[in-house]
């Protein structure tokens, strides 16, 4: 799944997903949880 696809599924933006991947501390816990629970997301 691409960052763009994940962003759409969790109602966020690709730049925010990229920040989360890089471990940026400004990313909210809510965003991380939505990404984990996104339908079709894989680890």
N, C-alpha and C. Protein backbone atom coordinates (compact mmCIF):
# COMPACT_ATOMS: atom_id res chain seq x y z
N UNK A 1 0.84 -1.16 0.00
CA UNK A 1 0.00 0.00 0.00
C UNK A 1 0.90 1.24 0.00
N UNK A 2 0.56 2.19 -0.83
CA UNK A 2 1.35 3.42 -0.90
C UNK A 2 0.93 4.38 0.21
N UNK A 3 1.75 5.39 0.41
CA UNK A 3 1.41 6.42 1.39
C UNK A 3 0.12 7.13 1.00
N UNK A 4 -0.07 7.36 -0.28
CA UNK A 4 -1.27 8.05 -0.76
C UNK A 4 -2.51 7.20 -0.47
N UNK A 5 -2.42 5.89 -0.74
CA UNK A 5 -3.56 5.00 -0.47
C UNK A 5 -3.88 4.96 1.01
N UNK A 6 -2.86 4.84 1.84
CA UNK A 6 -3.08 4.82 3.29
C UNK A 6 -3.69 6.13 3.76
N UNK A 7 -3.17 7.24 3.27
CA UNK A 7 -3.70 8.55 3.66
C UNK A 7 -5.18 8.66 3.34
N UNK A 8 -5.57 8.19 2.17
CA UNK A 8 -7.00 8.22 1.80
C UNK A 8 -7.82 7.37 2.75
N UNK A 9 -7.33 6.19 3.08
CA UNK A 9 -8.08 5.27 3.95
C UNK A 9 -8.25 5.82 5.36
N UNK A 10 -7.29 6.57 5.83
CA UNK A 10 -7.37 7.08 7.21
C UNK A 10 -7.76 8.56 7.27
N UNK A 11 -8.17 9.08 6.11
CA UNK A 11 -8.62 10.48 6.02
C UNK A 11 -7.54 11.44 6.53
N UNK A 12 -6.36 11.30 5.93
CA UNK A 12 -5.24 12.16 6.28
C UNK A 12 -4.54 12.57 4.98
N UNK A 13 -3.32 13.06 5.10
CA UNK A 13 -2.57 13.47 3.92
C UNK A 13 -1.30 12.64 3.78
N UNK A 14 -0.79 12.55 2.57
CA UNK A 14 0.43 11.79 2.33
C UNK A 14 1.61 12.35 3.12
N UNK A 15 1.78 13.66 3.20
CA UNK A 15 2.90 14.18 4.00
C UNK A 15 2.83 13.77 5.47
N UNK A 16 1.62 13.70 6.04
CA UNK A 16 1.49 13.26 7.44
C UNK A 16 1.85 11.79 7.59
N UNK A 17 1.46 10.97 6.61
CA UNK A 17 1.82 9.55 6.64
C UNK A 17 3.34 9.41 6.55
N UNK A 18 3.96 10.20 5.70
CA UNK A 18 5.42 10.17 5.56
C UNK A 18 6.09 10.54 6.88
N UNK A 19 5.58 11.55 7.55
CA UNK A 19 6.14 11.95 8.86
C UNK A 19 6.02 10.82 9.86
N UNK A 20 4.88 10.13 9.84
CA UNK A 20 4.68 9.00 10.76
C UNK A 20 5.70 7.90 10.48
N UNK A 21 5.94 7.61 9.21
CA UNK A 21 6.93 6.59 8.84
C UNK A 21 8.32 6.95 9.31
N UNK A 22 8.61 8.23 9.33
CA UNK A 22 9.94 8.69 9.74
C UNK A 22 10.07 8.84 11.25
N UNK A 23 8.96 8.61 11.98
CA UNK A 23 9.01 8.71 13.43
C UNK A 23 8.91 10.12 13.96
N UNK A 24 8.35 11.02 13.18
CA UNK A 24 8.19 12.41 13.60
C UNK A 24 7.31 12.48 14.85
N UNK A 25 7.79 13.13 15.88
CA UNK A 25 7.07 13.22 17.15
C UNK A 25 5.81 14.08 17.07
N UNK A 26 5.65 14.85 16.01
CA UNK A 26 4.46 15.70 15.89
C UNK A 26 3.24 14.94 15.40
N UNK A 27 3.41 13.69 15.00
CA UNK A 27 2.29 12.89 14.51
C UNK A 27 1.46 12.43 15.71
N UNK A 28 0.15 12.58 15.59
CA UNK A 28 -0.72 12.25 16.71
C UNK A 28 -0.89 10.74 16.89
N UNK A 29 -1.16 10.35 18.10
CA UNK A 29 -1.44 8.95 18.41
C UNK A 29 -2.69 8.50 17.65
N UNK A 30 -3.65 9.39 17.53
CA UNK A 30 -4.89 9.07 16.79
C UNK A 30 -4.57 8.67 15.35
N UNK A 31 -3.68 9.40 14.70
CA UNK A 31 -3.31 9.08 13.32
C UNK A 31 -2.66 7.70 13.26
N UNK A 32 -1.78 7.41 14.20
CA UNK A 32 -1.11 6.11 14.21
C UNK A 32 -2.10 4.98 14.42
N UNK A 33 -3.05 5.16 15.31
CA UNK A 33 -4.05 4.13 15.56
C UNK A 33 -4.91 3.92 14.33
N UNK A 34 -5.33 5.00 13.68
CA UNK A 34 -6.14 4.86 12.46
C UNK A 34 -5.36 4.11 11.39
N UNK A 35 -4.06 4.36 11.28
CA UNK A 35 -3.23 3.68 10.29
C UNK A 35 -3.14 2.19 10.60
N UNK A 36 -3.00 1.86 11.87
CA UNK A 36 -2.91 0.45 12.27
C UNK A 36 -4.21 -0.27 11.98
N UNK A 37 -5.32 0.39 12.22
CA UNK A 37 -6.63 -0.24 12.07
C UNK A 37 -7.23 -0.09 10.67
N UNK A 38 -6.52 0.56 9.77
CA UNK A 38 -7.05 0.79 8.42
C UNK A 38 -7.35 -0.54 7.73
N UNK A 39 -8.53 -0.67 7.16
CA UNK A 39 -8.87 -1.90 6.44
C UNK A 39 -7.88 -2.16 5.31
N UNK A 40 -7.37 -3.35 5.27
CA UNK A 40 -6.42 -3.71 4.22
C UNK A 40 -4.99 -3.33 4.50
N UNK A 41 -4.73 -2.68 5.62
CA UNK A 41 -3.36 -2.29 5.96
C UNK A 41 -2.58 -3.53 6.35
N UNK A 42 -1.30 -3.56 6.00
CA UNK A 42 -0.45 -4.67 6.38
C UNK A 42 0.78 -4.15 7.09
N UNK A 43 1.37 -5.00 7.89
CA UNK A 43 2.54 -4.61 8.67
C UNK A 43 3.78 -5.16 8.02
